[in-house]
Amino acid sequence: MKSIVDFLLVTVANNLGVDPEVIANKCGTDGIQAVRMNYYPPCVQADKVIGFSPHSDSDLLTLVLQVNEVDGLQIKRKETWFPVRPLEGAFIVNVGDILQVVA
């Protein structure tokens, strides 16, 4: 996972026109990593489920692997929420608030 994140950070830095070393230096060589696993099974009464409140991720990058066809993850663009459709075998990369600070 660290190799994937390192590659993504270099790519993001290059696309932002920022020297990748700037982000690497601010993250340090040991960077804090965490793994959290959540499983959301299909729900027959999905309209009665209370999910997370709308929020932004506070970390640098979050990799999400959706392992079933349960919808729920959404992104906000120009004040409109769009569902993120699961794509088998693909990671979703959430860019967090810290990127604004380090870049």
C-alpha atoms as a PDB file:
ATOM      1  CA  MET A   1       0.000   0.000   0.000  1.00  0.00           C
ATOM      2  CA  LYS A   2       2.861   2.371   0.794  1.00  0.00           C
ATOM      3  CA  SER A   3       4.261   1.943  -2.724  1.00  0.00           C
ATOM      4  CA  ILE A   4       0.875   2.781  -4.221  1.00  0.00           C
ATOM      5  CA  VAL A   5       0.501   5.867  -2.040  1.00  0.00           C
ATOM      6  CA  ASP A   6       4.067   7.016  -2.782  1.00  0.00           C
ATOM      7  CA  PHE A   7       3.371   6.725  -6.519  1.00  0.00           C
ATOM      8  CA  LEU A   8       0.056   8.570  -6.178  1.00  0.00           C
ATOM      9  CA  LEU A   9       1.647  11.395  -4.175  1.00  0.00           C
ATOM     10  CA  VAL A  10       4.332  11.927  -6.833  1.00  0.00           C
ATOM     11  CA  THR A  11       1.645  11.938  -9.534  1.00  0.00           C
ATOM     12  CA  VAL A  12      -0.547  14.386  -7.597  1.00  0.00           C
ATOM     13  CA  ALA A  13       2.434  16.673  -6.922  1.00  0.00           C
ATOM     14  CA  ASN A  14       3.425  16.678 -10.582  1.00  0.00           C
ATOM     15  CA  ASN A  15      -0.141  17.456 -11.663  1.00  0.00           C
ATOM     16  CA  LEU A  16      -0.275  20.345  -9.188  1.00  0.00           C
ATOM     17  CA  GLY A  17       3.069  21.682 -10.379  1.00  0.00           C
ATOM     18  CA  VAL A  18       4.626  21.038  -6.969  1.00  0.00           C
ATOM     19  CA  ASP A  19       8.022  19.412  -6.459  1.00  0.00           C
ATOM     20  CA  PRO A  20       7.244  15.892  -5.124  1.00  0.00           C
ATOM     21  CA  GLU A  21      10.028  16.349  -2.556  1.00  0.00           C
ATOM     22  CA  VAL A  22       8.013  19.136  -0.929  1.00  0.00           C
ATOM     23  CA  ILE A  23       5.248  16.684  -0.044  1.00  0.00           C
ATOM     24  CA  ALA A  24       7.692  13.883   0.809  1.00  0.00           C
ATOM     25  CA  ASN A  25       9.676  16.128   3.174  1.00  0.00           C
ATOM     26  CA  LYS A  26       6.565  17.272   4.997  1.00  0.00           C
ATOM     27  CA  CYS A  27       5.330  13.693   5.382  1.00  0.00           C
ATOM     28  CA  GLY A  28       8.663  12.341   6.589  1.00  0.00           C
ATOM     29  CA  THR A  29      10.141   9.006   5.665  1.00  0.00           C
ATOM     30  CA  ASP A  30       8.121   7.088   8.226  1.00  0.00           C
ATOM     31  CA  GLY A  31       4.711   8.613   7.436  1.00  0.00           C
ATOM     32  CA  ILE A  32       1.803   7.498   9.582  1.00  0.00           C
ATOM     33  CA  GLN A  33      -0.274   4.779   7.987  1.00  0.00           C
ATOM     34  CA  ALA A  34      -3.421   3.161   9.265  1.00  0.00           C
ATOM     35  CA  VAL A  35      -5.717   0.437   8.052  1.00  0.00           C
ATOM     36  CA  ARG A  36      -9.398   0.396   8.825  1.00  0.00           C
ATOM     37  CA  MET A  37     -11.840  -2.139   7.491  1.00  0.00           C
ATOM     38  CA  ASN A  38     -15.557  -1.488   7.344  1.00  0.00           C
ATOM     39  CA  TYR A  39     -18.056  -3.834   5.800  1.00  0.00           C
ATOM     40  CA  TYR A  40     -21.450  -2.563   4.768  1.00  0.00           C
ATOM     41  CA  PRO A  41     -23.717  -5.445   3.750  1.00  0.00           C
ATOM     42  CA  PRO A  42     -26.661  -4.861   1.434  1.00  0.00           C
ATOM     43  CA  CYS A  43     -29.685  -3.565   3.336  1.00  0.00           C
ATOM     44  CA  VAL A  44     -33.243  -4.356   2.314  1.00  0.00           C
ATOM     45  CA  GLN A  45     -34.414  -1.054   3.843  1.00  0.00           C
ATOM     46  CA  ALA A  46     -31.617   1.202   2.614  1.00  0.00           C
ATOM     47  CA  ASP A  47     -33.894   4.249   2.695  1.00  0.00           C
ATOM     48  CA  LYS A  48     -34.114   3.859   6.505  1.00  0.00           C
ATOM     49  CA  VAL A  49     -30.367   3.690   7.111  1.00  0.00           C
ATOM     50  CA  ILE A  50     -28.556   6.640   8.630  1.00  0.00           C
ATOM     51  CA  GLY A  51     -25.073   6.914   7.159  1.00  0.00           C
ATOM     52  CA  PHE A  52     -22.181   9.241   7.863  1.00  0.00           C
ATOM     53  CA  SER A  53     -22.793  12.965   7.849  1.00  0.00           C
ATOM     54  CA  PRO A  54     -21.344  14.803   4.858  1.00  0.00           C
ATOM     55  CA  HIS A  55     -17.654  15.379   5.577  1.00  0.00           C
ATOM     56  CA  SER A  56     -14.232  15.747   4.047  1.00  0.00           C
ATOM     57  CA  ASP A  57     -11.365  13.416   4.852  1.00  0.00           C
ATOM     58  CA  SER A  58      -8.851  15.105   7.115  1.00  0.00           C
ATOM     59  CA  ASP A  59      -5.899  12.902   6.152  1.00  0.00           C
ATOM     60  CA  LEU A  60      -3.608  13.082   3.106  1.00  0.00           C
ATOM     61  CA  LEU A  61      -4.896  10.159   1.013  1.00  0.00           C
ATOM     62  CA  THR A  62      -7.455   7.454   1.643  1.00  0.00           C
ATOM     63  CA  LEU A  63      -7.612   4.333  -0.506  1.00  0.00           C
ATOM     64  CA  VAL A  64     -11.035   2.709  -0.588  1.00  0.00           C
ATOM     65  CA  LEU A  65     -11.655  -0.772  -1.976  1.00  0.00           C
ATOM     66  CA  GLN A  66     -15.335  -1.497  -2.451  1.00  0.00           C
ATOM     67  CA  VAL A  67     -15.838  -5.248  -2.270  1.00  0.00           C
ATOM     68  CA  ASN A  68     -19.523  -5.451  -3.010  1.00  0.00           C
ATOM     69  CA  GLU A  69     -22.111  -3.588  -5.056  1.00  0.00           C
ATOM     70  CA  VAL A  70     -23.462  -1.571  -2.114  1.00  0.00           C
ATOM     71  CA  ASP A  71     -23.789   2.082  -3.070  1.00  0.00           C
ATOM     72  CA  GLY A  72     -23.299   4.771  -0.494  1.00  0.00           C
ATOM     73  CA  LEU A  73     -20.050   6.594  -1.120  1.00  0.00           C
ATOM     74  CA  GLN A  74     -20.660   9.973  -2.724  1.00  0.00           C
ATOM     75  CA  ILE A  75     -18.529  12.916  -3.788  1.00  0.00           C
ATOM     76  CA  LYS A  76     -19.561  16.544  -3.838  1.00  0.00           C
ATOM     77  CA  ARG A  77     -18.831  18.709  -6.849  1.00  0.00           C
ATOM     78  CA  LYS A  78     -20.208  22.217  -7.220  1.00  0.00           C
ATOM     79  CA  GLU A  79     -22.766  21.731  -4.444  1.00  0.00           C
ATOM     80  CA  THR A  80     -24.145  18.501  -5.966  1.00  0.00           C
ATOM     81  CA  TRP A  81     -23.591  15.011  -4.534  1.00  0.00           C
ATOM     82  CA  PHE A  82     -22.764  12.209  -6.988  1.00  0.00           C
ATOM     83  CA  PRO A  83     -22.701   8.484  -6.169  1.00  0.00           C
ATOM     84  CA  VAL A  84     -19.424   6.620  -6.664  1.00  0.00           C
ATOM     85  CA  ARG A  85     -20.270   3.378  -8.421  1.00  0.00           C
ATOM     86  CA  PRO A  86     -18.184   0.399  -7.324  1.00  0.00           C
ATOM     87  CA  LEU A  87     -15.759  -0.851  -9.971  1.00  0.00           C
ATOM     88  CA  GLU A  88     -14.521  -4.377  -9.305  1.00  0.00           C
ATOM     89  CA  GLY A  89     -10.841  -4.503  -8.355  1.00  0.00           C
ATOM     90  CA  ALA A  90     -10.363  -0.720  -8.385  1.00  0.00           C
ATOM     91  CA  PHE A  91      -9.348   1.555  -5.536  1.00  0.00           C
ATOM     92  CA  ILE A  92     -11.061   4.866  -4.966  1.00  0.00           C
ATOM     93  CA  VAL A  93      -8.547   7.532  -3.958  1.00  0.00           C
ATOM     94  CA  ASN A  94      -9.874  10.238  -1.655  1.00  0.00           C
ATOM     95  CA  VAL A  95      -7.664  13.292  -1.416  1.00  0.00           C
ATOM     96  CA  GLY A  96      -7.868  14.716   2.098  1.00  0.00           C
ATOM     97  CA  ASP A  97      -7.625  18.153   3.624  1.00  0.00           C
ATOM     98  CA  ILE A  98      -3.937  17.779   4.587  1.00  0.00           C
ATOM     99  CA  LEU A  99      -2.935  17.980   0.914  1.00  0.00           C
ATOM    100  CA  GLN A 100      -4.030  21.633   0.974  1.00  0.00           C
ATOM    101  CA  VAL A 101      -1.655  22.231   3.881  1.00  0.00           C
ATOM    102  CA  VAL A 102       1.438  20.418   2.552  1.00  0.00           C
ATOM    103  CA  ALA A 103       1.127  21.443  -1.084  1.00  0.00           C
END
